[in-house]
Every structure is written in C-alpha cells, then in structure tokens.
Amino acid sequence: MPKMTGVALIEKIREIQPEFPAIMYSGYSNKIDANSAAELNISYFNKPVNVDKL
C-alpha cells in the first residue's frame, strides 16, 4: 500500500465499522510494535511469524 500504512487502513475501516476485528502482520517493526498495536486493539505479528503464537 504505497499511500497508506496498515494502521491508517484499519483506522479508516473503523470509522465505518468501529468493531472491525484486525490482525496486522508486518515486517516493518520500526513503524509499529505489539504495544502500539495493542493500544489500537489490533492483534499483531512480526515477520517471520512464530507459529506457536498463532
């Protein structure tokens, strides 16, 4: 998504559907981490994903 981050996309969707469940899977851990995702009520996994966490 060249013009929007995953967080921005989830925020836009939640403007329409506030209870939208979201899981974020990212390799860009410098832009979001588990703590900031939790604040947004987003389940978050870093690449490569730990299968046990799924």
PDB file of N, CA and C in Angstrom:
ATOM      1  N   MET A   1       0.857  -1.171   0.000  1.00  0.00           N
ATOM      2  CA  MET A   1       0.000   0.000   0.000  1.00  0.00           C
ATOM      3  C   MET A   1       0.899   1.229   0.000  1.00  0.00           C
ATOM      4  N   PRO A   2       1.187   1.740  -1.129  1.00  0.00           N
ATOM      5  CA  PRO A   2       2.146   2.839  -1.201  1.00  0.00           C
ATOM      6  C   PRO A   2       1.670   4.162  -0.583  1.00  0.00           C
ATOM      7  N   LYS A   3       0.370   4.365  -0.446  1.00  0.00           N
ATOM      8  CA  LYS A   3      -0.109   5.662   0.034  1.00  0.00           C
ATOM      9  C   LYS A   3      -0.689   5.617   1.442  1.00  0.00           C
ATOM     10  N   MET A   4      -0.681   4.437   2.069  1.00  0.00           N
ATOM     11  CA  MET A   4      -1.314   4.318   3.375  1.00  0.00           C
ATOM     12  C   MET A   4      -0.664   3.176   4.151  1.00  0.00           C
ATOM     13  N   THR A   5      -0.493   3.375   5.453  1.00  0.00           N
ATOM     14  CA  THR A   5       0.021   2.290   6.290  1.00  0.00           C
ATOM     15  C   THR A   5      -1.121   1.364   6.669  1.00  0.00           C
ATOM     16  N   GLY A   6      -0.778   0.193   7.162  1.00  0.00           N
ATOM     17  CA  GLY A   6      -1.799  -0.737   7.630  1.00  0.00           C
ATOM     18  C   GLY A   6      -2.609  -0.156   8.771  1.00  0.00           C
ATOM     19  N   VAL A   7      -1.948   0.573   9.665  1.00  0.00           N
ATOM     20  CA  VAL A   7      -2.646   1.209  10.784  1.00  0.00           C
ATOM     21  C   VAL A   7      -3.656   2.232  10.259  1.00  0.00           C
ATOM     22  N   ALA A   8      -3.251   3.038   9.286  1.00  0.00           N
ATOM     23  CA  ALA A   8      -4.168   4.029   8.714  1.00  0.00           C
ATOM     24  C   ALA A   8      -5.364   3.349   8.054  1.00  0.00           C
ATOM     25  N   LEU A   9      -5.118   2.233   7.380  1.00  0.00           N
ATOM     26  CA  LEU A   9      -6.209   1.494   6.750  1.00  0.00           C
ATOM     27  C   LEU A   9      -7.206   0.992   7.798  1.00  0.00           C
ATOM     28  N   ILE A  10      -6.694   0.403   8.866  1.00  0.00           N
ATOM     29  CA  ILE A  10      -7.572  -0.093   9.924  1.00  0.00           C
ATOM     30  C   ILE A  10      -8.355   1.060  10.551  1.00  0.00           C
ATOM     31  N   GLU A  11      -7.706   2.195  10.780  1.00  0.00           N
ATOM     32  CA  GLU A  11      -8.404   3.354  11.346  1.00  0.00           C
ATOM     33  C   GLU A  11      -9.527   3.829  10.423  1.00  0.00           C
ATOM     34  N   LYS A  12      -9.294   3.857   9.113  1.00  0.00           N
ATOM     35  CA  LYS A  12     -10.326   4.261   8.145  1.00  0.00           C
ATOM     36  C   LYS A  12     -11.505   3.295   8.166  1.00  0.00           C
ATOM     37  N   ILE A  13     -11.197   2.002   8.179  1.00  0.00           N
ATOM     38  CA  ILE A  13     -12.260   0.999   8.223  1.00  0.00           C
ATOM     39  C   ILE A  13     -13.077   1.156   9.499  1.00  0.00           C
ATOM     40  N   ARG A  14     -12.404   1.406  10.614  1.00  0.00           N
ATOM     41  CA  ARG A  14     -13.106   1.528  11.893  1.00  0.00           C
ATOM     42  C   ARG A  14     -13.933   2.807  12.001  1.00  0.00           C
ATOM     43  N   GLU A  15     -13.697   3.778  11.140  1.00  0.00           N
ATOM     44  CA  GLU A  15     -14.584   4.941  11.081  1.00  0.00           C
ATOM     45  C   GLU A  15     -15.969   4.509  10.608  1.00  0.00           C
ATOM     46  N   ILE A  16     -15.989   3.488   9.754  1.00  0.00           N
ATOM     47  CA  ILE A  16     -17.240   2.969   9.197  1.00  0.00           C
ATOM     48  C   ILE A  16     -17.797   1.845  10.072  1.00  0.00           C
ATOM     49  N   GLN A  17     -16.894   0.955  10.496  1.00  0.00           N
ATOM     50  CA  GLN A  17     -17.274  -0.226  11.283  1.00  0.00           C
ATOM     51  C   GLN A  17     -16.388  -0.280  12.529  1.00  0.00           C
ATOM     52  N   PRO A  18     -16.790   0.400  13.627  1.00  0.00           N
ATOM     53  CA  PRO A  18     -15.930   0.526  14.806  1.00  0.00           C
ATOM     54  C   PRO A  18     -15.473  -0.798  15.436  1.00  0.00           C
ATOM     55  N   GLU A  19     -16.246  -1.835  15.314  1.00  0.00           N
ATOM     56  CA  GLU A  19     -15.892  -3.112  15.936  1.00  0.00           C
ATOM     57  C   GLU A  19     -15.140  -4.046  14.987  1.00  0.00           C
ATOM     58  N   PHE A  20     -14.630  -3.524  13.877  1.00  0.00           N
ATOM     59  CA  PHE A  20     -13.910  -4.329  12.897  1.00  0.00           C
ATOM     60  C   PHE A  20     -12.707  -5.020  13.545  1.00  0.00           C
ATOM     61  N   PRO A  21     -12.673  -6.369  13.525  1.00  0.00           N
ATOM     62  CA  PRO A  21     -11.520  -7.064  14.093  1.00  0.00           C
ATOM     63  C   PRO A  21     -10.338  -6.991  13.120  1.00  0.00           C
ATOM     64  N   ALA A  22      -9.144  -6.842  13.646  1.00  0.00           N
ATOM     65  CA  ALA A  22      -7.991  -6.703  12.761  1.00  0.00           C
ATOM     66  C   ALA A  22      -6.800  -7.476  13.292  1.00  0.00           C
ATOM     67  N   ILE A  23      -6.082  -8.071  12.363  1.00  0.00           N
ATOM     68  CA  ILE A  23      -4.797  -8.712  12.643  1.00  0.00           C
ATOM     69  C   ILE A  23      -3.780  -8.066  11.719  1.00  0.00           C
ATOM     70  N   MET A  24      -2.682  -7.598  12.276  1.00  0.00           N
ATOM     71  CA  MET A  24      -1.638  -6.978  11.468  1.00  0.00           C
ATOM     72  C   MET A  24      -0.422  -7.902  11.441  1.00  0.00           C
ATOM     73  N   TYR A  25       0.108  -8.086  10.241  1.00  0.00           N
ATOM     74  CA  TYR A  25       1.277  -8.929  10.010  1.00  0.00           C
ATOM     75  C   TYR A  25       2.281  -8.077   9.262  1.00  0.00           C
ATOM     76  N   SER A  26       3.382  -7.702   9.907  1.00  0.00           N
ATOM     77  CA  SER A  26       4.275  -6.728   9.294  1.00  0.00           C
ATOM     78  C   SER A  26       5.742  -7.089   9.463  1.00  0.00           C
ATOM     79  N   GLY A  27       6.514  -6.683   8.486  1.00  0.00           N
ATOM     80  CA  GLY A  27       7.958  -6.794   8.567  1.00  0.00           C
ATOM     81  C   GLY A  27       8.596  -5.469   8.943  1.00  0.00           C
ATOM     82  N   TYR A  28       7.770  -4.439   9.106  1.00  0.00           N
ATOM     83  CA  TYR A  28       8.266  -3.091   9.414  1.00  0.00           C
ATOM     84  C   TYR A  28       8.088  -2.792  10.884  1.00  0.00           C
ATOM     85  N   SER A  29       8.811  -3.511  11.736  1.00  0.00           N
ATOM     86  CA  SER A  29       8.644  -3.375  13.172  1.00  0.00           C
ATOM     87  C   SER A  29       9.084  -2.013  13.700  1.00  0.00           C
ATOM     88  N   ASN A  30       9.787  -1.228  12.889  1.00  0.00           N
ATOM     89  CA  ASN A  30      10.187   0.110  13.340  1.00  0.00           C
ATOM     90  C   ASN A  30       9.015   1.094  13.254  1.00  0.00           C
ATOM     91  N   LYS A  31       7.921   0.716  12.575  1.00  0.00           N
ATOM     92  CA  LYS A  31       6.763   1.595  12.446  1.00  0.00           C
ATOM     93  C   LYS A  31       5.649   1.236  13.420  1.00  0.00           C
ATOM     94  N   ILE A  32       5.588  -0.012  13.832  1.00  0.00           N
ATOM     95  CA  ILE A  32       4.580  -0.465  14.790  1.00  0.00           C
ATOM     96  C   ILE A  32       5.141  -1.655  15.545  1.00  0.00           C
ATOM     97  N   ASP A  33       4.736  -1.794  16.800  1.00  0.00           N
ATOM     98  CA  ASP A  33       5.135  -2.950  17.587  1.00  0.00           C
ATOM     99  C   ASP A  33       3.915  -3.471  18.342  1.00  0.00           C
ATOM    100  N   ALA A  34       4.100  -4.530  19.087  1.00  0.00           N
ATOM    101  CA  ALA A  34       2.984  -5.168  19.775  1.00  0.00           C
ATOM    102  C   ALA A  34       2.302  -4.211  20.751  1.00  0.00           C
ATOM    103  N   ASN A  35       3.069  -3.347  21.426  1.00  0.00           N
ATOM    104  CA  ASN A  35       2.472  -2.417  22.388  1.00  0.00           C
ATOM    105  C   ASN A  35       1.596  -1.365  21.710  1.00  0.00           C
ATOM    106  N   SER A  36       2.080  -0.761  20.639  1.00  0.00           N
ATOM    107  CA  SER A  36       1.278   0.248  19.952  1.00  0.00           C
ATOM    108  C   SER A  36       0.079  -0.388  19.255  1.00  0.00           C
ATOM    109  N   ALA A  37       0.226  -1.616  18.771  1.00  0.00           N
ATOM    110  CA  ALA A  37      -0.903  -2.326  18.172  1.00  0.00           C
ATOM    111  C   ALA A  37      -1.964  -2.617  19.224  1.00  0.00           C
ATOM    112  N   ALA A  38      -1.541  -3.010  20.406  1.00  0.00           N
ATOM    113  CA  ALA A  38      -2.486  -3.295  21.493  1.00  0.00           C
ATOM    114  C   ALA A  38      -3.296  -2.054  21.855  1.00  0.00           C
ATOM    115  N   GLU A  39      -2.675  -0.888  21.823  1.00  0.00           N
ATOM    116  CA  GLU A  39      -3.391   0.362  22.102  1.00  0.00           C
ATOM    117  C   GLU A  39      -4.518   0.599  21.098  1.00  0.00           C
ATOM    118  N   LEU A  40      -4.341   0.090  19.883  1.00  0.00           N
ATOM    119  CA  LEU A  40      -5.347   0.231  18.829  1.00  0.00           C
ATOM    120  C   LEU A  40      -6.271  -0.979  18.750  1.00  0.00           C
ATOM    121  N   ASN A  41      -6.111  -1.918  19.688  1.00  0.00           N
ATOM    122  CA  ASN A  41      -6.893  -3.149  19.718  1.00  0.00           C
ATOM    123  C   ASN A  41      -6.706  -3.958  18.426  1.00  0.00           C
ATOM    124  N   ILE A  42      -5.445  -4.074  18.014  1.00  0.00           N
ATOM    125  CA  ILE A  42      -5.067  -4.838  16.824  1.00  0.00           C
ATOM    126  C   ILE A  42      -4.189  -5.998  17.267  1.00  0.00           C
ATOM    127  N   SER A  43      -4.514  -7.198  16.824  1.00  0.00           N
ATOM    128  CA  SER A  43      -3.612  -8.327  17.047  1.00  0.00           C
ATOM    129  C   SER A  43      -2.437  -8.154  16.088  1.00  0.00           C
ATOM    130  N   TYR A  44      -1.223  -8.351  16.576  1.00  0.00           N
ATOM    131  CA  TYR A  44      -0.042  -8.026  15.779  1.00  0.00           C
ATOM    132  C   TYR A  44       0.963  -9.171  15.782  1.00  0.00           C
ATOM    133  N   PHE A  45       1.507  -9.451  14.618  1.00  0.00           N
ATOM    134  CA  PHE A  45       2.562 -10.450  14.462  1.00  0.00           C
ATOM    135  C   PHE A  45       3.677  -9.863  13.615  1.00  0.00           C
ATOM    136  N   ASN A  46       4.906 -10.084  14.047  1.00  0.00           N
ATOM    137  CA  ASN A  46       6.091  -9.686  13.291  1.00  0.00           C
ATOM    138  C   ASN A  46       6.451 -10.773  12.294  1.00  0.00           C
ATOM    139  N   LYS A  47       7.012 -10.390  11.164  1.00  0.00           N
ATOM    140  CA  LYS A  47       7.571 -11.365  10.229  1.00  0.00           C
ATOM    141  C   LYS A  47       8.980 -11.688  10.670  1.00  0.00           C
ATOM    142  N   PRO A  48       9.423 -12.886  10.615  1.00  0.00           N
ATOM    143  CA  PRO A  48       8.653 -14.088  10.338  1.00  0.00           C
ATOM    144  C   PRO A  48       7.781 -14.425  11.552  1.00  0.00           C
ATOM    145  N   VAL A  49       6.608 -14.949  11.316  1.00  0.00           N
ATOM    146  CA  VAL A  49       5.660 -15.228  12.373  1.00  0.00           C
ATOM    147  C   VAL A  49       6.055 -16.501  13.137  1.00  0.00           C
ATOM    148  N   ASN A  50       5.851 -16.447  14.431  1.00  0.00           N
ATOM    149  CA  ASN A  50       6.064 -17.602  15.287  1.00  0.00           C
ATOM    150  C   ASN A  50       4.764 -18.415  15.270  1.00  0.00           C
ATOM    151  N   VAL A  51       4.785 -19.583  14.704  1.00  0.00           N
ATOM    152  CA  VAL A  51       3.588 -20.399  14.526  1.00  0.00           C
ATOM    153  C   VAL A  51       2.916 -20.686  15.861  1.00  0.00           C
ATOM    154  N   ASP A  52       3.672 -20.834  16.929  1.00  0.00           N
ATOM    155  CA  ASP A  52       3.082 -21.097  18.247  1.00  0.00           C
ATOM    156  C   ASP A  52       2.210 -19.933  18.726  1.00  0.00           C
ATOM    157  N   LYS A  53       2.537 -18.706  18.317  1.00  0.00           N
ATOM    158  CA  LYS A  53       1.727 -17.550  18.710  1.00  0.00           C
ATOM    159  C   LYS A  53       0.395 -17.492  17.982  1.00  0.00           C
ATOM    160  N   LEU A  54       0.329 -18.091  16.792  1.00  0.00           N
ATOM    161  CA  LEU A  54      -0.924 -18.095  16.045  1.00  0.00           C
ATOM    162  C   LEU A  54      -1.963 -18.922  16.778  1.00  0.00           C
TER     163      LEU A  54
END
